[in-house]
C-alpha atoms as a PDB file:
ATOM      1  CA  MET A   1    -137.483  81.942 100.480  1.00  0.00           C
ATOM      2  CA  LYS A   2    -136.527  82.113  96.928  1.00  0.00           C
ATOM      3  CA  LYS A   3    -134.181  79.340  95.419  1.00  0.00           C
ATOM      4  CA  ILE A   4    -131.544  80.724  93.028  1.00  0.00           C
ATOM      5  CA  LEU A   5    -129.189  78.810  90.616  1.00  0.00           C
ATOM      6  CA  LEU A   6    -126.237  80.896  89.976  1.00  0.00           C
ATOM      7  CA  ALA A   7    -124.428  80.540  86.626  1.00  0.00           C
ATOM      8  CA  GLY A   8    -121.357  81.783  85.030  1.00  0.00           C
ATOM      9  CA  TYR A   9    -117.672  80.905  84.221  1.00  0.00           C
ATOM     10  CA  TYR A  10    -116.988  79.591  87.903  1.00  0.00           C
ATOM     11  CA  GLY A  11    -114.643  77.006  89.016  1.00  0.00           C
ATOM     12  CA  PHE A  12    -111.881  77.462  86.346  1.00  0.00           C
ATOM     13  CA  GLY A  13    -109.304  79.363  88.426  1.00  0.00           C
ATOM     14  CA  ASN A  14    -109.873  82.642  86.618  1.00  0.00           C
ATOM     15  CA  LEU A  15    -109.412  85.215  89.319  1.00  0.00           C
ATOM     16  CA  GLY A  16    -111.812  87.528  87.602  1.00  0.00           C
ATOM     17  CA  ASP A  17    -114.738  85.234  87.314  1.00  0.00           C
ATOM     18  CA  GLU A  18    -114.121  83.952  91.077  1.00  0.00           C
ATOM     19  CA  ALA A  19    -114.339  87.704  92.292  1.00  0.00           C
ATOM     20  CA  ILE A  20    -117.626  87.850  90.271  1.00  0.00           C
ATOM     21  CA  LEU A  21    -118.791  84.874  91.954  1.00  0.00           C
ATOM     22  CA  GLU A  22    -117.826  86.283  95.126  1.00  0.00           C
ATOM     23  CA  MET A  23    -119.658  89.620  94.668  1.00  0.00           C
ATOM     24  CA  ALA A  24    -122.754  87.887  93.240  1.00  0.00           C
ATOM     25  CA  ILE A  25    -123.145  85.775  96.131  1.00  0.00           C
ATOM     26  CA  LYS A  26    -122.717  88.695  98.309  1.00  0.00           C
ATOM     27  CA  GLN A  27    -125.515  90.400  96.451  1.00  0.00           C
ATOM     28  CA  ILE A  28    -127.772  87.472  96.531  1.00  0.00           C
ATOM     29  CA  LEU A  29    -127.420  87.142 100.285  1.00  0.00           C
ATOM     30  CA  GLU A  30    -129.069  90.502 100.569  1.00  0.00           C
ATOM     31  CA  ILE A  31    -132.373  88.667  99.530  1.00  0.00           C
ATOM     32  CA  THR A  32    -132.073  84.991 100.764  1.00  0.00           C
ATOM     33  CA  ASP A  33    -130.080  82.588 102.731  1.00  0.00           C
ATOM     34  CA  ARG A  34    -126.955  80.766 101.820  1.00  0.00           C
ATOM     35  CA  LYS A  35    -128.831  77.488 101.912  1.00  0.00           C
ATOM     36  CA  ASN A  36    -130.993  78.661  99.066  1.00  0.00           C
ATOM     37  CA  ILE A  37    -128.011  79.349  96.719  1.00  0.00           C
ATOM     38  CA  THR A  38    -126.734  76.654  94.208  1.00  0.00           C
ATOM     39  CA  VAL A  39    -123.743  77.526  92.033  1.00  0.00           C
ATOM     40  CA  LEU A  40    -122.988  75.871  88.520  1.00  0.00           C
ATOM     41  CA  SER A  41    -119.116  75.267  88.541  1.00  0.00           C
ATOM     42  CA  GLY A  42    -116.371  73.624  86.790  1.00  0.00           C
ATOM     43  CA  ASN A  43    -114.877  72.270  90.061  1.00  0.00           C
ATOM     44  CA  LYS A  44    -118.049  71.982  92.367  1.00  0.00           C
ATOM     45  CA  GLU A  45    -115.801  70.550  95.247  1.00  0.00           C
ATOM     46  CA  ALA A  46    -113.683  73.641  95.336  1.00  0.00           C
ATOM     47  CA  THR A  47    -116.473  76.128  95.047  1.00  0.00           C
ATOM     48  CA  ARG A  48    -118.552  74.425  97.554  1.00  0.00           C
ATOM     49  CA  LYS A  49    -115.651  74.487 100.007  1.00  0.00           C
ATOM     50  CA  LYS A  50    -114.696  77.994  99.299  1.00  0.00           C
ATOM     51  CA  TYR A  51    -118.075  79.677  99.228  1.00  0.00           C
ATOM     52  CA  LYS A  52    -120.038  77.246 101.615  1.00  0.00           C
ATOM     53  CA  VAL A  53    -122.744  76.892  98.961  1.00  0.00           C
ATOM     54  CA  ASP A  54    -124.564  73.793  97.325  1.00  0.00           C
ATOM     55  CA  THR A  55    -122.912  73.230  94.034  1.00  0.00           C
ATOM     56  CA  ILE A  56    -123.678  71.438  90.760  1.00  0.00           C
ATOM     57  CA  ASP A  57    -121.208  70.303  87.930  1.00  0.00           C
ATOM     58  CA  ARG A  58    -121.932  72.774  85.159  1.00  0.00           C
ATOM     59  CA  TYR A  59    -121.887  69.834  82.558  1.00  0.00           C
ATOM     60  CA  ASN A  60    -124.173  67.607  84.378  1.00  0.00           C
ATOM     61  CA  VAL A  61    -127.605  68.253  82.621  1.00  0.00           C
ATOM     62  CA  PHE A  62    -129.326  65.775  84.613  1.00  0.00           C
ATOM     63  CA  SER A  63    -128.583  67.597  87.751  1.00  0.00           C
ATOM     64  CA  ILE A  64    -129.139  70.894  86.336  1.00  0.00           C
ATOM     65  CA  VAL A  65    -132.805  70.183  85.141  1.00  0.00           C
ATOM     66  CA  ASN A  66    -133.487  68.332  88.789  1.00  0.00           C
ATOM     67  CA  ARG A  67    -132.221  71.668  90.470  1.00  0.00           C
ATOM     68  CA  LEU A  68    -134.162  73.967  88.045  1.00  0.00           C
ATOM     69  CA  VAL A  69    -137.334  72.065  89.044  1.00  0.00           C
ATOM     70  CA  LYS A  70    -136.862  73.201  92.544  1.00  0.00           C
ATOM     71  CA  SER A  71    -135.501  76.684  91.894  1.00  0.00           C
ATOM     72  CA  ASP A  72    -137.274  80.013  91.234  1.00  0.00           C
ATOM     73  CA  ALA A  73    -134.512  81.952  89.474  1.00  0.00           C
ATOM     74  CA  VAL A  74    -131.440  81.428  87.613  1.00  0.00           C
ATOM     75  CA  VAL A  75    -128.958  84.316  88.113  1.00  0.00           C
ATOM     76  CA  PHE A  76    -126.009  84.956  85.518  1.00  0.00           C
ATOM     77  CA  GLY A  77    -123.758  86.644  87.989  1.00  0.00           C
ATOM     78  CA  GLY A  78    -121.570  88.855  85.504  1.00  0.00           C
ATOM     79  CA  GLY A  79    -118.652  88.561  82.772  1.00  0.00           C
ATOM     80  CA  SER A  80    -118.518  88.188  79.108  1.00  0.00           C
ATOM     81  CA  LEU A  81    -120.825  85.140  78.797  1.00  0.00           C
ATOM     82  CA  LEU A  82    -122.261  86.180  75.475  1.00  0.00           C
ATOM     83  CA  GLN A  83    -119.382  86.064  73.105  1.00  0.00           C
ATOM     84  CA  ASP A  84    -117.774  83.790  70.658  1.00  0.00           C
ATOM     85  CA  ILE A  85    -114.283  84.939  70.241  1.00  0.00           C
ATOM     86  CA  THR A  86    -112.758  82.638  72.780  1.00  0.00           C
ATOM     87  CA  SER A  87    -115.082  79.886  72.314  1.00  0.00           C
ATOM     88  CA  LYS A  88    -117.839  78.892  69.810  1.00  0.00           C
ATOM     89  CA  ARG A  89    -119.305  76.404  72.198  1.00  0.00           C
ATOM     90  CA  SER A  90    -119.609  78.711  75.404  1.00  0.00           C
ATOM     91  CA  ILE A  91    -122.061  81.211  74.084  1.00  0.00           C
ATOM     92  CA  TYR A  92    -124.472  78.063  73.145  1.00  0.00           C
ATOM     93  CA  TYR A  93    -124.114  76.593  76.455  1.00  0.00           C
ATOM     94  CA  TYR A  94    -125.441  79.868  78.313  1.00  0.00           C
ATOM     95  CA  LEU A  95    -128.377  79.988  75.814  1.00  0.00           C
ATOM     96  CA  PHE A  96    -129.128  76.469  76.111  1.00  0.00           C
ATOM     97  CA  LEU A  97    -129.255  77.201  79.869  1.00  0.00           C
ATOM     98  CA  ILE A  98    -131.502  80.329  79.603  1.00  0.00           C
ATOM     99  CA  ARG A  99    -134.009  78.419  77.518  1.00  0.00           C
ATOM    100  CA  LEU A 100    -133.907  75.419  79.848  1.00  0.00           C
ATOM    101  CA  ALA A 101    -134.432  77.663  82.951  1.00  0.00           C
ATOM    102  CA  LYS A 102    -137.569  79.388  81.108  1.00  0.00           C
ATOM    103  CA  ILE A 103    -139.004  75.909  80.318  1.00  0.00           C
ATOM    104  CA  MET A 104    -138.629  74.942  84.003  1.00  0.00           C
ATOM    105  CA  ASN A 105    -140.658  78.211  84.767  1.00  0.00           C
ATOM    106  CA  ASN A 106    -137.827  79.969  86.349  1.00  0.00           C
ATOM    107  CA  LYS A 107    -136.943  83.884  86.138  1.00  0.00           C
ATOM    108  CA  VAL A 108    -133.800  84.598  84.211  1.00  0.00           C
ATOM    109  CA  ILE A 109    -131.700  87.489  85.312  1.00  0.00           C
ATOM    110  CA  MET A 110    -128.434  88.404  83.796  1.00  0.00           C
ATOM    111  CA  LEU A 111    -126.417  90.933  85.745  1.00  0.00           C
ATOM    112  CA  SER A 112    -123.358  92.951  84.853  1.00  0.00           C
ATOM    113  CA  GLN A 113    -122.884  91.309  81.528  1.00  0.00           C
ATOM    114  CA  GLY A 114    -120.423  92.448  78.770  1.00  0.00           C
ATOM    115  CA  ILE A 115    -122.043  91.326  75.422  1.00  0.00           C
ATOM    116  CA  GLY A 116    -119.848  90.376  72.650  1.00  0.00           C
ATOM    117  CA  PRO A 117    -117.832  90.480  70.372  1.00  0.00           C
ATOM    118  CA  ILE A 118    -120.178  88.066  68.521  1.00  0.00           C
ATOM    119  CA  VAL A 119    -118.848  87.510  65.145  1.00  0.00           C
ATOM    120  CA  SER A 120    -120.791  84.716  63.809  1.00  0.00           C
ATOM    121  CA  GLU A 121    -124.081  85.375  62.157  1.00  0.00           C
ATOM    122  CA  ASN A 122    -125.596  82.232  63.565  1.00  0.00           C
ATOM    123  CA  SER A 123    -124.621  83.172  67.031  1.00  0.00           C
ATOM    124  CA  ILE A 124    -126.059  86.818  66.689  1.00  0.00           C
ATOM    125  CA  THR A 125    -129.353  85.049  65.457  1.00  0.00           C
ATOM    126  CA  ALA A 126    -129.482  82.577  68.448  1.00  0.00           C
ATOM    127  CA  VAL A 127    -128.678  85.268  70.867  1.00  0.00           C
ATOM    128  CA  LYS A 128    -131.521  87.342  69.184  1.00  0.00           C
ATOM    129  CA  ARG A 129    -133.884  84.453  69.628  1.00  0.00           C
ATOM    130  CA  THR A 130    -133.161  83.604  73.257  1.00  0.00           C
ATOM    131  CA  LEU A 131    -132.650  87.011  74.965  1.00  0.00           C
ATOM    132  CA  LYS A 132    -136.434  87.562  74.647  1.00  0.00           C
ATOM    133  CA  PHE A 133    -137.037  85.055  77.147  1.00  0.00           C
ATOM    134  CA  ILE A 134    -134.876  87.122  79.834  1.00  0.00           C
ATOM    135  CA  ASP A 135    -136.714  88.732  82.582  1.00  0.00           C
ATOM    136  CA  TYR A 136    -133.868  91.466  83.073  1.00  0.00           C
ATOM    137  CA  ILE A 137    -130.520  92.011  81.935  1.00  0.00           C
ATOM    138  CA  THR A 138    -128.022  94.590  83.389  1.00  0.00           C
ATOM    139  CA  VAL A 139    -124.907  95.594  81.245  1.00  0.00           C
ATOM    140  CA  ARG A 140    -121.678  96.594  82.287  1.00  0.00           C
ATOM    141  CA  ASP A 141    -120.924  99.069  79.299  1.00  0.00           C
ATOM    142  CA  LYS A 142    -123.234 101.370  76.935  1.00  0.00           C
ATOM    143  CA  ASN A 143    -121.936  99.384  73.958  1.00  0.00           C
ATOM    144  CA  SER A 144    -123.567  96.338  75.185  1.00  0.00           C
ATOM    145  CA  MET A 145    -126.718  98.087  75.857  1.00  0.00           C
ATOM    146  CA  GLU A 146    -126.769  99.497  72.321  1.00  0.00           C
ATOM    147  CA  PHE A 147    -125.996  95.883  70.944  1.00  0.00           C
ATOM    148  CA  LEU A 148    -129.200  94.428  72.850  1.00  0.00           C
ATOM    149  CA  GLU A 149    -131.350  97.309  71.639  1.00  0.00           C
ATOM    150  CA  ASN A 150    -130.293  96.921  68.054  1.00  0.00           C
ATOM    151  CA  ILE A 151    -131.219  93.182  67.965  1.00  0.00           C
ATOM    152  CA  GLY A 152    -134.707  94.240  69.003  1.00  0.00           C
ATOM    153  CA  MET A 153    -134.492  93.499  72.918  1.00  0.00           C
ATOM    154  CA  ASP A 154    -137.248  95.100  74.800  1.00  0.00           C
ATOM    155  CA  LYS A 155    -135.513  98.469  76.273  1.00  0.00           C
ATOM    156  CA  ASN A 156    -137.513  98.231  79.450  1.00  0.00           C
ATOM    157  CA  ARG A 157    -135.729  95.104  80.435  1.00  0.00           C
ATOM    158  CA  ILE A 158    -132.262  96.240  79.983  1.00  0.00           C
ATOM    159  CA  PHE A 159    -130.463  98.534  82.426  1.00  0.00           C
ATOM    160  CA  LEU A 160    -127.090  99.942  82.613  1.00  0.00           C
ATOM    161  CA  SER A 161    -125.047  98.805  85.532  1.00  0.00           C
ATOM    162  CA  THR A 162    -121.012  97.994  85.921  1.00  0.00           C
ATOM    163  CA  ASP A 163    -118.801  95.020  86.877  1.00  0.00           C
ATOM    164  CA  PRO A 164    -119.750  94.039  90.371  1.00  0.00           C
ATOM    165  CA  VAL A 165    -116.007  93.383  91.084  1.00  0.00           C
ATOM    166  CA  ILE A 166    -115.605  97.335  91.492  1.00  0.00           C
ATOM    167  CA  ASN A 167    -117.253  96.835  95.049  1.00  0.00           C
ATOM    168  CA  LEU A 168    -114.317  94.283  96.057  1.00  0.00           C
ATOM    169  CA  LYS A 169    -113.310  95.155  99.534  1.00  0.00           C
ATOM    170  CA  GLU A 170    -115.201  98.378  99.456  1.00  0.00           C
ATOM    171  CA  GLY A 171    -115.028 100.438 102.880  1.00  0.00           C
ATOM    172  CA  GLU A 172    -111.599  98.558 103.995  1.00  0.00           C
ATOM    173  CA  ILE A 173    -108.897 100.802 105.141  1.00  0.00           C
ATOM    174  CA  HIS A 174    -105.911 100.286 102.952  1.00  0.00           C
ATOM    175  CA  PRO A 175    -102.595 100.366 104.386  1.00  0.00           C
ATOM    176  CA  LYS A 176    -100.288 103.158 103.388  1.00  0.00           C
ATOM    177  CA  LYS A 177     -97.490 102.260 101.148  1.00  0.00           C
ATOM    178  CA  SER A 178     -93.996 103.028 101.993  1.00  0.00           C
ATOM    179  CA  ASN A 179     -92.486 106.002  99.532  1.00  0.00           C
ATOM    180  CA  ASP A 180     -89.222 104.440  99.660  1.00  0.00           C
ATOM    181  CA  ILE A 181     -89.262 102.109  96.724  1.00  0.00           C
ATOM    182  CA  LYS A 182     -91.898 102.343  94.021  1.00  0.00           C
ATOM    183  CA  LYS A 183     -93.626  99.049  93.115  1.00  0.00           C
ATOM    184  CA  VAL A 184     -95.060  98.077  89.684  1.00  0.00           C
ATOM    185  CA  CYS A 185     -97.282  95.048  89.173  1.00  0.00           C
ATOM    186  CA  PHE A 186     -97.983  93.260  85.934  1.00  0.00           C
ATOM    187  CA  SER A 187    -100.755  91.190  85.106  1.00  0.00           C
ATOM    188  CA  LEU A 188    -100.557  89.847  81.503  1.00  0.00           C
ATOM    189  CA  ARG A 189    -101.967  87.395  78.927  1.00  0.00           C
ATOM    190  CA  ASN A 190    -100.980  86.236  75.633  1.00  0.00           C
ATOM    191  CA  TRP A 191    -102.969  87.265  72.551  1.00  0.00           C
ATOM    192  CA  LYS A 192    -102.664  85.690  69.219  1.00  0.00           C
ATOM    193  CA  ASN A 193     -99.051  86.557  67.764  1.00  0.00           C
ATOM    194  CA  ALA A 194     -98.290  89.417  70.009  1.00  0.00           C
ATOM    195  CA  ASP A 195     -94.866  89.007  71.651  1.00  0.00           C
ATOM    196  CA  VAL A 196     -96.118  90.046  75.171  1.00  0.00           C
ATOM    197  CA  SER A 197     -93.365  88.603  77.308  1.00  0.00           C
ATOM    198  CA  LYS A 198     -90.583  89.954  75.172  1.00  0.00           C
ATOM    199  CA  LYS A 199     -91.831  93.394  75.025  1.00  0.00           C
ATOM    200  CA  ILE A 200     -93.062  93.489  78.642  1.00  0.00           C
ATOM    201  CA  SER A 201     -89.660  92.206  79.706  1.00  0.00           C
ATOM    202  CA  ILE A 202     -88.118  95.265  78.025  1.00  0.00           C
ATOM    203  CA  VAL A 203     -90.373  97.543  79.989  1.00  0.00           C
ATOM    204  CA  ALA A 204     -89.589  95.761  83.375  1.00  0.00           C
ATOM    205  CA  GLU A 205     -85.902  95.982  82.798  1.00  0.00           C
ATOM    206  CA  LYS A 206     -86.225  99.727  82.366  1.00  0.00           C
ATOM    207  CA  LEU A 207     -88.164  99.989  85.602  1.00  0.00           C
ATOM    208  CA  ILE A 208     -85.793  97.875  87.370  1.00  0.00           C
ATOM    209  CA  SER A 209     -82.749 100.062  86.047  1.00  0.00           C
ATOM    210  CA  SER A 210     -84.795 103.025  87.462  1.00  0.00           C
ATOM    211  CA  ASN A 211     -84.787 101.165  90.955  1.00  0.00           C
ATOM    212  CA  ILE A 212     -88.394 100.362  90.729  1.00  0.00           C
ATOM    213  CA  GLU A 213     -89.459  96.674  91.912  1.00  0.00           C
ATOM    214  CA  CYS A 214     -91.552  94.581  89.355  1.00  0.00           C
ATOM    215  CA  TYR A 215     -94.038  91.864  90.296  1.00  0.00           C
ATOM    216  CA  PHE A 216     -95.952  89.384  87.952  1.00  0.00           C
ATOM    217  CA  VAL A 217     -99.064  87.817  88.939  1.00  0.00           C
ATOM    218  CA  PRO A 218    -101.313  85.205  87.330  1.00  0.00           C
ATOM    219  CA  PHE A 219    -104.949  85.993  87.041  1.00  0.00           C
ATOM    220  CA  TYR A 220    -105.850  82.856  84.909  1.00  0.00           C
ATOM    221  CA  TYR A 221    -103.377  80.322  86.308  1.00  0.00           C
ATOM    222  CA  ASN A 222    -103.664  77.761  83.619  1.00  0.00           C
ATOM    223  CA  GLU A 223    -102.747  80.362  80.940  1.00  0.00           C
ATOM    224  CA  ASP A 224    -100.617  83.135  82.597  1.00  0.00           C
ATOM    225  CA  LEU A 225     -98.213  81.049  84.455  1.00  0.00           C
ATOM    226  CA  GLU A 226     -96.259  80.011  81.279  1.00  0.00           C
ATOM    227  CA  LEU A 227     -96.027  83.765  80.322  1.00  0.00           C
ATOM    228  CA  ILE A 228     -94.679  84.503  83.599  1.00  0.00           C
ATOM    229  CA  LYS A 229     -92.099  81.822  83.314  1.00  0.00           C
ATOM    230  CA  GLN A 230     -91.091  83.331  79.990  1.00  0.00           C
ATOM    231  CA  VAL A 231     -90.564  86.920  81.409  1.00  0.00           C
ATOM    232  CA  GLU A 232     -88.520  85.101  84.299  1.00  0.00           C
ATOM    233  CA  ASN A 233     -86.346  83.490  81.609  1.00  0.00           C
ATOM    234  CA  LYS A 234     -85.482  86.949  80.324  1.00  0.00           C
ATOM    235  CA  LEU A 235     -85.139  88.808  83.750  1.00  0.00           C
ATOM    236  CA  GLY A 236     -84.041  86.224  86.164  1.00  0.00           C
ATOM    237  CA  ASP A 237     -84.273  87.139  89.834  1.00  0.00           C
ATOM    238  CA  LYS A 238     -84.629  91.038  89.175  1.00  0.00           C
ATOM    239  CA  ALA A 239     -88.388  90.663  89.490  1.00  0.00           C
ATOM    240  CA  VAL A 240     -90.726  88.826  91.740  1.00  0.00           C
ATOM    241  CA  TYR A 241     -92.928  86.038  90.344  1.00  0.00           C
ATOM    242  CA  TYR A 242     -96.117  84.714  91.836  1.00  0.00           C
ATOM    243  CA  LYS A 243     -96.240  81.219  90.556  1.00  0.00           C
ATOM    244  CA  GLU A 244     -98.913  79.622  93.024  1.00  0.00           C
ATOM    245  CA  ARG A 245    -102.595  79.759  92.560  1.00  0.00           C
ATOM    246  CA  LEU A 246    -103.721  82.945  94.310  1.00  0.00           C
ATOM    247  CA  THR A 247    -107.179  83.640  95.912  1.00  0.00           C
ATOM    248  CA  THR A 248    -109.066  86.651  95.131  1.00  0.00           C
ATOM    249  CA  ASP A 249    -107.988  88.064  98.530  1.00  0.00           C
ATOM    250  CA  GLU A 250    -104.304  87.307  97.950  1.00  0.00           C
ATOM    251  CA  ALA A 251    -104.293  88.866  94.644  1.00  0.00           C
ATOM    252  CA  PHE A 252    -106.047  92.070  95.872  1.00  0.00           C
ATOM    253  CA  ASN A 253    -103.679  92.346  98.659  1.00  0.00           C
ATOM    254  CA  ILE A 254    -100.877  92.146  96.359  1.00  0.00           C
ATOM    255  CA  ILE A 255    -102.124  94.904  94.104  1.00  0.00           C
ATOM    256  CA  ARG A 256    -103.167  97.378  96.709  1.00  0.00           C
ATOM    257  CA  GLY A 257     -99.649  97.215  97.923  1.00  0.00           C
ATOM    258  CA  MET A 258     -98.513  98.637  94.503  1.00  0.00           C
ATOM    259  CA  ASP A 259     -97.885 102.045  93.160  1.00  0.00           C
ATOM    260  CA  VAL A 260     -98.821 101.035  89.536  1.00  0.00           C
ATOM    261  CA  LEU A 261    -100.576  98.216  87.901  1.00  0.00           C
ATOM    262  CA  VAL A 262     -99.944  97.257  84.345  1.00  0.00           C
ATOM    263  CA  GLY A 263    -102.760  95.138  83.244  1.00  0.00           C
ATOM    264  CA  VAL A 264    -103.889  93.164  80.159  1.00  0.00           C
ATOM    265  CA  ARG A 265    -106.466  91.249  82.064  1.00  0.00           C
ATOM    266  CA  LEU A 266    -109.707  93.087  82.580  1.00  0.00           C
ATOM    267  CA  HIS A 267    -110.206  92.078  86.224  1.00  0.00           C
ATOM    268  CA  SER A 268    -106.640  93.067  87.289  1.00  0.00           C
ATOM    269  CA  LEU A 269    -107.637  96.523  86.151  1.00  0.00           C
ATOM    270  CA  ILE A 270    -110.844  96.401  88.160  1.00  0.00           C
ATOM    271  CA  PHE A 271    -108.914  95.116  91.160  1.00  0.00           C
ATOM    272  CA  ALA A 272    -106.582  98.011  90.847  1.00  0.00           C
ATOM    273  CA  ALA A 273    -109.444 100.451  90.597  1.00  0.00           C
ATOM    274  CA  ALA A 274    -111.189  99.017  93.595  1.00  0.00           C
ATOM    275  CA  ALA A 275    -108.003  99.324  95.578  1.00  0.00           C
ATOM    276  CA  ASN A 276    -107.267 102.849  94.433  1.00  0.00           C
ATOM    277  CA  VAL A 277    -104.067 101.899  92.410  1.00  0.00           C
ATOM    278  CA  PRO A 278    -103.707 103.762  89.285  1.00  0.00           C
ATOM    279  CA  PHE A 279    -103.121 101.575  86.174  1.00  0.00           C
ATOM    280  CA  ALA A 280    -101.685 101.376  82.717  1.00  0.00           C
ATOM    281  CA  ALA A 281    -104.113  99.473  80.520  1.00  0.00           C
ATOM    282  CA  VAL A 282    -102.788  97.392  77.591  1.00  0.00           C
ATOM    283  CA  SER A 283    -105.842  96.603  75.452  1.00  0.00           C
ATOM    284  CA  TYR A 284    -106.531  93.329  73.603  1.00  0.00           C
ATOM    285  CA  ASP A 285    -110.332  93.629  73.506  1.00  0.00           C
ATOM    286  CA  HIS A 286    -113.152  96.179  73.631  1.00  0.00           C
ATOM    287  CA  LYS A 287    -114.095  95.280  77.288  1.00  0.00           C
ATOM    288  CA  ILE A 288    -110.916  96.956  78.311  1.00  0.00           C
ATOM    289  CA  ASP A 289    -111.409 100.010  76.553  1.00  0.00           C
ATOM    290  CA  HIS A 290    -115.037 100.294  77.893  1.00  0.00           C
ATOM    291  CA  PHE A 291    -113.597  99.870  81.397  1.00  0.00           C
ATOM    292  CA  VAL A 292    -110.832 102.361  81.143  1.00  0.00           C
ATOM    293  CA  GLU A 293    -113.265 104.740  79.624  1.00  0.00           C
ATOM    294  CA  SER A 294    -115.574 104.339  82.597  1.00  0.00           C
ATOM    295  CA  VAL A 295    -113.081 105.583  84.959  1.00  0.00           C
ATOM    296  CA  ASN A 296    -112.060 108.385  83.005  1.00  0.00           C
ATOM    297  CA  MET A 297    -108.557 107.134  82.093  1.00  0.00           C
ATOM    298  CA  ASP A 298    -106.886 106.214  78.676  1.00  0.00           C
ATOM    299  CA  VAL A 299    -105.537 102.935  77.319  1.00  0.00           C
ATOM    300  CA  ALA A 300    -101.798 102.934  77.471  1.00  0.00           C
ATOM    301  CA  CYS A 301    -101.392 100.875  74.357  1.00  0.00           C
ATOM    302  CA  ARG A 302    -102.601  97.934  72.389  1.00  0.00           C
ATOM    303  CA  ILE A 303    -101.374  94.420  72.763  1.00  0.00           C
ATOM    304  CA  ASP A 304    -100.477  94.110  69.262  1.00  0.00           C
ATOM    305  CA  ASN A 305     -98.440  97.241  69.268  1.00  0.00           C
ATOM    306  CA  ILE A 306     -96.506  97.611  72.618  1.00  0.00           C
ATOM    307  CA  ASP A 307     -94.119 100.263  72.437  1.00  0.00           C
ATOM    308  CA  ALA A 308     -91.918  99.519  75.310  1.00  0.00           C
ATOM    309  CA  ASP A 309     -90.382 102.964  75.438  1.00  0.00           C
ATOM    310  CA  HIS A 310     -93.911 104.643  75.397  1.00  0.00           C
ATOM    311  CA  LEU A 311     -95.300 102.370  78.040  1.00  0.00           C
ATOM    312  CA  TYR A 312     -92.215 102.949  80.356  1.00  0.00           C
ATOM    313  CA  ASP A 313     -92.855 106.540  79.999  1.00  0.00           C
ATOM    314  CA  VAL A 314     -96.749 106.301  80.917  1.00  0.00           C
ATOM    315  CA  ILE A 315     -95.920 104.315  83.931  1.00  0.00           C
ATOM    316  CA  ILE A 316     -93.306 106.737  85.128  1.00  0.00           C
ATOM    317  CA  ASP A 317     -95.691 109.583  84.471  1.00  0.00           C
ATOM    318  CA  ILE A 318     -98.473 107.800  86.912  1.00  0.00           C
ATOM    319  CA  ILE A 319     -95.661 107.436  89.563  1.00  0.00           C
ATOM    320  CA  CYS A 320     -94.759 110.942  89.229  1.00  0.00           C
ATOM    321  CA  ASN A 321     -98.252 112.102  89.746  1.00  0.00           C
ATOM    322  CA  GLU A 322     -99.454 109.348  91.807  1.00  0.00           C
ATOM    323  CA  ALA A 323    -101.515 111.698  94.241  1.00  0.00           C
ATOM    324  CA  GLU A 324    -103.400 113.373  91.392  1.00  0.00           C
ATOM    325  CA  GLU A 325    -104.044 109.937  89.514  1.00  0.00           C
ATOM    326  CA  LYS A 326    -105.289 108.255  92.855  1.00  0.00           C
ATOM    327  CA  ARG A 327    -107.648 111.285  93.474  1.00  0.00           C
ATOM    328  CA  LYS A 328    -109.239 111.128  89.907  1.00  0.00           C
ATOM    329  CA  LEU A 329    -109.393 107.315  90.129  1.00  0.00           C
ATOM    330  CA  SER A 330    -111.266 107.393  93.525  1.00  0.00           C
ATOM    331  CA  GLU A 331    -113.744 109.904  92.137  1.00  0.00           C
ATOM    332  CA  SER A 332    -114.356 107.920  89.198  1.00  0.00           C
ATOM    333  CA  VAL A 333    -114.826 104.746  91.070  1.00  0.00           C
ATOM    334  CA  ALA A 334    -117.175 106.244  93.638  1.00  0.00           C
ATOM    335  CA  ASN A 335    -119.361 107.197  90.610  1.00  0.00           C
ATOM    336  CA  LEU A 336    -119.354 103.829  88.893  1.00  0.00           C
ATOM    337  CA  ARG A 337    -120.239 102.036  92.109  1.00  0.00           C
ATOM    338  CA  GLU A 338    -123.382 103.939  92.076  1.00  0.00           C
ATOM    339  CA  TYR A 339    -124.278 101.720  88.963  1.00  0.00           C
ATOM    340  CA  THR A 340    -124.235  98.486  90.933  1.00  0.00           C
ATOM    341  CA  LYS A 341    -127.240  99.444  92.857  1.00  0.00           C
ATOM    342  CA  ILE A 342    -129.575  98.490  90.012  1.00  0.00           C
ATOM    343  CA  ASN A 343    -128.419  94.845  90.547  1.00  0.00           C
ATOM    344  CA  TYR A 344    -129.510  94.873  94.160  1.00  0.00           C
ATOM    345  CA  LYS A 345    -132.845  96.461  93.038  1.00  0.00           C
ATOM    346  CA  ILE A 346    -133.553  93.889  90.433  1.00  0.00           C
ATOM    347  CA  LEU A 347    -132.534  90.921  92.795  1.00  0.00           C
ATOM    348  CA  LYS A 348    -135.017  92.147  95.267  1.00  0.00           C
ATOM    349  CA  GLU A 349    -137.738  92.360  92.939  1.00  0.00           C
ATOM    350  CA  ILE A 350    -137.458  88.704  92.213  1.00  0.00           C
END
């Protein structure tokens, strides 16, 4: 059986990346046994315990080399790994890993990738020189595909897919929500000089005044908790705040009990779509725009220009037309899920 080393931004408490890992393992188990999967993780003990797979510290080069000698393929499970906006070092880590894997005669497959933004010319050059070693890459949006084609990557090795988290809990029967009190969930993040907590607090205050309950969940615990505390300082006990580290299951169950999700975090929007919960997207990055477009919706506003009155109106409009919004979202998600099949096909081919 093939032995696979699974790589990504795992073990750092980001619910989006943990959901990607969960779905990547599910896909790989279609072609091999759990004992043949090793995951690179920032917290190898937690990842081993949660997913019942072997793990390696992602920064232990000796252990990585030792495992690559025994592996057949390195699989990057998804995410925005090749970008240099949030970190200049991260992109070179993954490019180094790709080259190291090929030196060790491993197949290299990148699944459901969102490429960019890549702003440094040096980074673009490094990506161009390294991606020629990749056997297959699937991307989660057409812009990523165009970027790869423009830097000269072989079109026969690029395929359009989508984020695997769209299949989270697929097929499960979701409990019907009570129609008595409407619930809105917020998944926020800070971005540069945008005063997110102040503006979102105004939106939540207006919703609460309209007898709508508001909930706040952290998707990237280390960053989002402080923002939630800022909102709590403004709203007090008028809203519900989740301050503990949530599992992907817990976050998904919270979201699917809502009428609307207001999301800045990409995977909060994907969780909502997977649970057939209409959302209002606040965009800070092109990856938000691409996903919203893929489910035939519109971005509510941009993070550096949040108009509280407009965002409130968008939320109320969704609530008033909830049945139609859910119908359209369900159709779009069903179409989107078809794109994940290429990932299974490529994994089976290796």
